[in-house]
Every structure is written in structure tokens, then in C-alpha cells.
Amino acid sequence: MAPETAHDWKPLWARLSDGADTPPAGFLMTAPPGDVNGAPPLASEFGVFEAPLEDYDVVELVRFDRPVARGRVAFGEGFAVLGPVLAVDGDEVAPEHEAVVLAHLAEEAFVEGAAVVYAPVDAGAAARYEALGWTRAGGLAT
């Protein structure tokens, strides 16, 4: 069961999660896109690329032109939904890399006119998101 929100974010979540109908068990995080804390500075070998696609936009963090982490954002009327930040190669995304991708995804949402962004996350990610300016809107159960 998902918390009540002003927007129907679930169809956008399905688009970002390759058709998965159920978000992860955990929390629905929310924030005004301008309140998502800025990303930590990156070493010179890192870069960020943004690409608008048909159904969503992609933000990718690269190191020496090799992808490290990637996230997606889809847009509704006045809101946006962020998918999880995923490692491109490897098992985990470093917290500072996750913060960089999330900040750029929130910036994309701000530029597109979103007043609020939603991010369904597993329980382990909620505290990391809160440290970046997000708020728990409520619990998510599978």
C-alpha cells in the first residue's frame, strides 16, 4: 500500500522500472526539486551526462568516459518521479556518486517545472535520501 499523495506517481514509476508494477518495500521519498542538496564535488576524472529520451530522461555519471552510475526521471504535470540510482558495472553505487546523480535528476525535474519529486526507495536508502534533503511521505509495502 502506498501513501496518499497529490499526484499519481505509480504509472511513471512503472515506466522507470521497466514495467514493474510494484515499487520496492520501503518508503516513498518526496522533496521540492530545488531543496535536494547539492552534490559533493567530483574529482576531475568524473563527468555527468544528461540525455532526454522518449519516456524519461537519463543522468549518467562517468569516470574517464566509462559509465559508473545511472538514474532516470519521468515527468508528470507539475511533478516528477525518480527511479533508483543503479551501478552500471559493479554491485553498489558509492553514496557520493548516488548523491551526484540524484542532484542532477532533481535539477532536471526543476527545469521541467516539477514542484515536487517522488522517489520510491527501499528501507536501506531512506536515510541517505533524507541526508540529501528528502522527506519520508510514507511507507511502501509489497
C-alpha atoms as a PDB file:
ATOM      1  CA  MET A   1       0.000   0.000   0.000  1.00  0.00           C
ATOM      2  CA  ALA A   2       1.366   3.410  -0.956  1.00  0.00           C
ATOM      3  CA  PRO A   3       0.871   6.655   0.969  1.00  0.00           C
ATOM      4  CA  GLU A   4      -1.636   9.212  -0.293  1.00  0.00           C
ATOM      5  CA  THR A   5      -0.076  11.887  -2.490  1.00  0.00           C
ATOM      6  CA  ALA A   6      -1.333  14.764  -4.605  1.00  0.00           C
ATOM      7  CA  HIS A   7      -0.099  13.013  -7.757  1.00  0.00           C
ATOM      8  CA  ASP A   8      -0.492   9.580  -9.312  1.00  0.00           C
ATOM      9  CA  TRP A   9       3.213   8.714  -9.430  1.00  0.00           C
ATOM     10  CA  LYS A  10       2.812   4.945  -9.962  1.00  0.00           C
ATOM     11  CA  PRO A  11       2.473   4.968 -13.794  1.00  0.00           C
ATOM     12  CA  LEU A  12       5.693   6.972 -14.054  1.00  0.00           C
ATOM     13  CA  TRP A  13       7.382   4.561 -11.646  1.00  0.00           C
ATOM     14  CA  ALA A  14       6.349   1.646 -13.881  1.00  0.00           C
ATOM     15  CA  ARG A  15       7.905   3.433 -16.853  1.00  0.00           C
ATOM     16  CA  LEU A  16      11.180   3.969 -14.977  1.00  0.00           C
ATOM     17  CA  SER A  17      11.348   0.451 -13.568  1.00  0.00           C
ATOM     18  CA  ASP A  18      10.915  -1.306 -16.915  1.00  0.00           C
ATOM     19  CA  GLY A  19       7.282  -2.169 -16.270  1.00  0.00           C
ATOM     20  CA  ALA A  20       7.472  -3.341 -12.658  1.00  0.00           C
ATOM     21  CA  ASP A  21       4.071  -2.631 -11.134  1.00  0.00           C
ATOM     22  CA  THR A  22       5.206  -2.744  -7.531  1.00  0.00           C
ATOM     23  CA  PRO A  23       7.687  -0.281  -6.049  1.00  0.00           C
ATOM     24  CA  PRO A  24      10.226  -1.603  -3.543  1.00  0.00           C
ATOM     25  CA  ALA A  25       9.149  -2.271   0.024  1.00  0.00           C
ATOM     26  CA  GLY A  26      10.436   0.748   1.884  1.00  0.00           C
ATOM     27  CA  PHE A  27       9.456   4.403   1.703  1.00  0.00           C
ATOM     28  CA  LEU A  28       8.110   6.960  -0.720  1.00  0.00           C
ATOM     29  CA  MET A  29      10.501   9.893  -0.502  1.00  0.00           C
ATOM     30  CA  THR A  30       9.455  13.366  -1.601  1.00  0.00           C
ATOM     31  CA  ALA A  31      11.107  16.753  -1.975  1.00  0.00           C
ATOM     32  CA  PRO A  32      10.763  20.031  -3.814  1.00  0.00           C
ATOM     33  CA  PRO A  33      13.420  19.631  -6.521  1.00  0.00           C
ATOM     34  CA  GLY A  34      15.182  22.832  -5.507  1.00  0.00           C
ATOM     35  CA  ASP A  35      15.586  21.515  -1.951  1.00  0.00           C
ATOM     36  CA  VAL A  36      17.576  18.423  -2.905  1.00  0.00           C
ATOM     37  CA  ASN A  37      21.004  19.193  -1.529  1.00  0.00           C
ATOM     38  CA  GLY A  38      23.790  19.875  -3.968  1.00  0.00           C
ATOM     39  CA  ALA A  39      26.078  17.073  -4.913  1.00  0.00           C
ATOM     40  CA  PRO A  40      29.562  16.785  -3.489  1.00  0.00           C
ATOM     41  CA  PRO A  41      32.349  17.999  -5.771  1.00  0.00           C
ATOM     42  CA  LEU A  42      33.704  15.387  -8.142  1.00  0.00           C
ATOM     43  CA  ALA A  43      37.311  14.637  -8.943  1.00  0.00           C
ATOM     44  CA  SER A  44      38.415  15.845 -12.370  1.00  0.00           C
ATOM     45  CA  GLU A  45      38.170  12.387 -13.945  1.00  0.00           C
ATOM     46  CA  PHE A  46      34.381  12.342 -13.436  1.00  0.00           C
ATOM     47  CA  GLY A  47      31.695  13.858 -15.615  1.00  0.00           C
ATOM     48  CA  VAL A  48      27.892  13.935 -15.742  1.00  0.00           C
ATOM     49  CA  PHE A  49      25.854  13.445 -18.888  1.00  0.00           C
ATOM     50  CA  GLU A  50      22.137  14.052 -19.293  1.00  0.00           C
ATOM     51  CA  ALA A  51      20.056  12.620 -22.112  1.00  0.00           C
ATOM     52  CA  PRO A  52      16.370  13.230 -22.818  1.00  0.00           C
ATOM     53  CA  LEU A  53      14.713  10.078 -24.128  1.00  0.00           C
ATOM     54  CA  GLU A  54      11.156   9.451 -25.267  1.00  0.00           C
ATOM     55  CA  ASP A  55       9.653   8.274 -21.955  1.00  0.00           C
ATOM     56  CA  TYR A  56      12.141   9.679 -19.436  1.00  0.00           C
ATOM     57  CA  ASP A  57      15.467  11.459 -19.045  1.00  0.00           C
ATOM     58  CA  VAL A  58      18.694   9.729 -18.045  1.00  0.00           C
ATOM     59  CA  VAL A  59      21.549  11.093 -15.945  1.00  0.00           C
ATOM     60  CA  GLU A  60      24.791   9.174 -16.087  1.00  0.00           C
ATOM     61  CA  LEU A  61      27.933   9.624 -14.014  1.00  0.00           C
ATOM     62  CA  VAL A  62      31.087   8.626 -15.874  1.00  0.00           C
ATOM     63  CA  ARG A  63      34.717   8.217 -14.885  1.00  0.00           C
ATOM     64  CA  PHE A  64      37.191   8.562 -17.739  1.00  0.00           C
ATOM     65  CA  ASP A  65      34.253   8.195 -20.176  1.00  0.00           C
ATOM     66  CA  ARG A  66      33.156   4.893 -18.608  1.00  0.00           C
ATOM     67  CA  PRO A  67      29.698   4.823 -17.008  1.00  0.00           C
ATOM     68  CA  VAL A  68      29.711   4.402 -13.228  1.00  0.00           C
ATOM     69  CA  ALA A  69      26.111   5.115 -12.152  1.00  0.00           C
ATOM     70  CA  ARG A  70      22.832   5.935 -13.849  1.00  0.00           C
ATOM     71  CA  GLY A  71      19.413   7.230 -12.869  1.00  0.00           C
ATOM     72  CA  ARG A  72      16.159   8.038 -14.637  1.00  0.00           C
ATOM     73  CA  VAL A  73      13.478  10.677 -14.159  1.00  0.00           C
ATOM     74  CA  ALA A  74       9.977  10.789 -15.690  1.00  0.00           C
ATOM     75  CA  PHE A  75       7.725  13.825 -15.707  1.00  0.00           C
ATOM     76  CA  GLY A  76       4.046  14.356 -14.946  1.00  0.00           C
ATOM     77  CA  GLU A  77       2.010  17.550 -14.699  1.00  0.00           C
ATOM     78  CA  GLY A  78       3.858  19.538 -12.041  1.00  0.00           C
ATOM     79  CA  PHE A  79       5.723  16.571 -10.588  1.00  0.00           C
ATOM     80  CA  ALA A  80       8.432  14.050 -11.408  1.00  0.00           C
ATOM     81  CA  VAL A  81       9.374  10.544 -10.315  1.00  0.00           C
ATOM     82  CA  LEU A  82      12.952   9.372  -9.880  1.00  0.00           C
ATOM     83  CA  GLY A  83      13.984   5.788 -10.367  1.00  0.00           C
ATOM     84  CA  PRO A  84      16.753   4.204  -8.333  1.00  0.00           C
ATOM     85  CA  VAL A  85      20.363   5.146  -8.962  1.00  0.00           C
ATOM     86  CA  LEU A  86      21.999   1.989 -10.259  1.00  0.00           C
ATOM     87  CA  ALA A  87      25.596   0.937 -10.733  1.00  0.00           C
ATOM     88  CA  VAL A  88      26.497   0.374 -14.374  1.00  0.00           C
ATOM     89  CA  ASP A  89      29.291  -2.102 -13.611  1.00  0.00           C
ATOM     90  CA  GLY A  90      29.700  -3.483 -10.139  1.00  0.00           C
ATOM     91  CA  ASP A  91      27.499  -4.229  -7.209  1.00  0.00           C
ATOM     92  CA  GLU A  92      26.947  -0.939  -5.412  1.00  0.00           C
ATOM     93  CA  VAL A  93      26.882   2.775  -6.071  1.00  0.00           C
ATOM     94  CA  ALA A  94      29.088   4.830  -3.759  1.00  0.00           C
ATOM     95  CA  PRO A  95      26.980   7.221  -1.636  1.00  0.00           C
ATOM     96  CA  GLU A  96      28.724  10.291  -3.086  1.00  0.00           C
ATOM     97  CA  HIS A  97      28.023   9.048  -6.625  1.00  0.00           C
ATOM     98  CA  GLU A  98      24.373   8.431  -5.744  1.00  0.00           C
ATOM     99  CA  ALA A  99      24.183  11.990  -4.372  1.00  0.00           C
ATOM    100  CA  VAL A 100      25.588  13.429  -7.614  1.00  0.00           C
ATOM    101  CA  VAL A 101      23.105  11.548  -9.802  1.00  0.00           C
ATOM    102  CA  LEU A 102      20.152  12.415  -7.526  1.00  0.00           C
ATOM    103  CA  ALA A 103      21.078  16.110  -7.531  1.00  0.00           C
ATOM    104  CA  HIS A 104      21.212  16.156 -11.329  1.00  0.00           C
ATOM    105  CA  LEU A 105      17.920  14.249 -11.628  1.00  0.00           C
ATOM    106  CA  ALA A 106      16.257  16.757  -9.273  1.00  0.00           C
ATOM    107  CA  GLU A 107      17.699  19.610 -11.324  1.00  0.00           C
ATOM    108  CA  GLU A 108      16.193  18.068 -14.470  1.00  0.00           C
ATOM    109  CA  ALA A 109      12.824  17.911 -12.683  1.00  0.00           C
ATOM    110  CA  PHE A 110      13.146  21.550 -11.627  1.00  0.00           C
ATOM    111  CA  VAL A 111      13.947  22.644 -15.187  1.00  0.00           C
ATOM    112  CA  GLU A 112      10.893  20.725 -16.441  1.00  0.00           C
ATOM    113  CA  GLY A 113       8.651  22.594 -13.987  1.00  0.00           C
ATOM    114  CA  ALA A 114       8.120  19.957 -11.316  1.00  0.00           C
ATOM    115  CA  ALA A 115       7.034  21.372  -7.966  1.00  0.00           C
ATOM    116  CA  VAL A 116       7.683  18.055  -6.224  1.00  0.00           C
ATOM    117  CA  VAL A 117       9.673  14.906  -6.925  1.00  0.00           C
ATOM    118  CA  TYR A 118       8.883  11.404  -5.676  1.00  0.00           C
ATOM    119  CA  ALA A 119      11.293   8.513  -5.252  1.00  0.00           C
ATOM    120  CA  PRO A 120      10.158   5.079  -4.074  1.00  0.00           C
ATOM    121  CA  VAL A 121      13.171   3.585  -2.268  1.00  0.00           C
ATOM    122  CA  ASP A 122      13.975   0.503  -0.241  1.00  0.00           C
ATOM    123  CA  ALA A 123      14.299   0.911   3.510  1.00  0.00           C
ATOM    124  CA  GLY A 124      18.100   0.987   3.356  1.00  0.00           C
ATOM    125  CA  ALA A 125      18.141   4.041   1.084  1.00  0.00           C
ATOM    126  CA  ALA A 126      15.736   6.246   3.065  1.00  0.00           C
ATOM    127  CA  ALA A 127      18.329   7.683   5.473  1.00  0.00           C
ATOM    128  CA  ARG A 128      20.704   8.508   2.603  1.00  0.00           C
ATOM    129  CA  TYR A 129      17.917  10.377   0.809  1.00  0.00           C
ATOM    130  CA  GLU A 130      16.973  12.249   3.994  1.00  0.00           C
ATOM    131  CA  ALA A 131      20.571  13.452   4.315  1.00  0.00           C
ATOM    132  CA  LEU A 132      20.177  14.967   0.839  1.00  0.00           C
ATOM    133  CA  GLY A 133      17.004  16.926   1.666  1.00  0.00           C
ATOM    134  CA  TRP A 134      14.252  14.354   1.069  1.00  0.00           C
ATOM    135  CA  THR A 135      11.315  13.602   3.405  1.00  0.00           C
ATOM    136  CA  ARG A 136       9.547  10.287   4.001  1.00  0.00           C
ATOM    137  CA  ALA A 137       5.991  10.644   2.690  1.00  0.00           C
ATOM    138  CA  GLY A 138       5.055   7.215   3.997  1.00  0.00           C
ATOM    139  CA  GLY A 139       5.792   3.536   3.912  1.00  0.00           C
ATOM    140  CA  LEU A 140       5.584   1.268   0.886  1.00  0.00           C
ATOM    141  CA  ALA A 141       4.639  -2.383   1.243  1.00  0.00           C
ATOM    142  CA  THR A 142       4.762  -5.031  -1.450  1.00  0.00           C
END
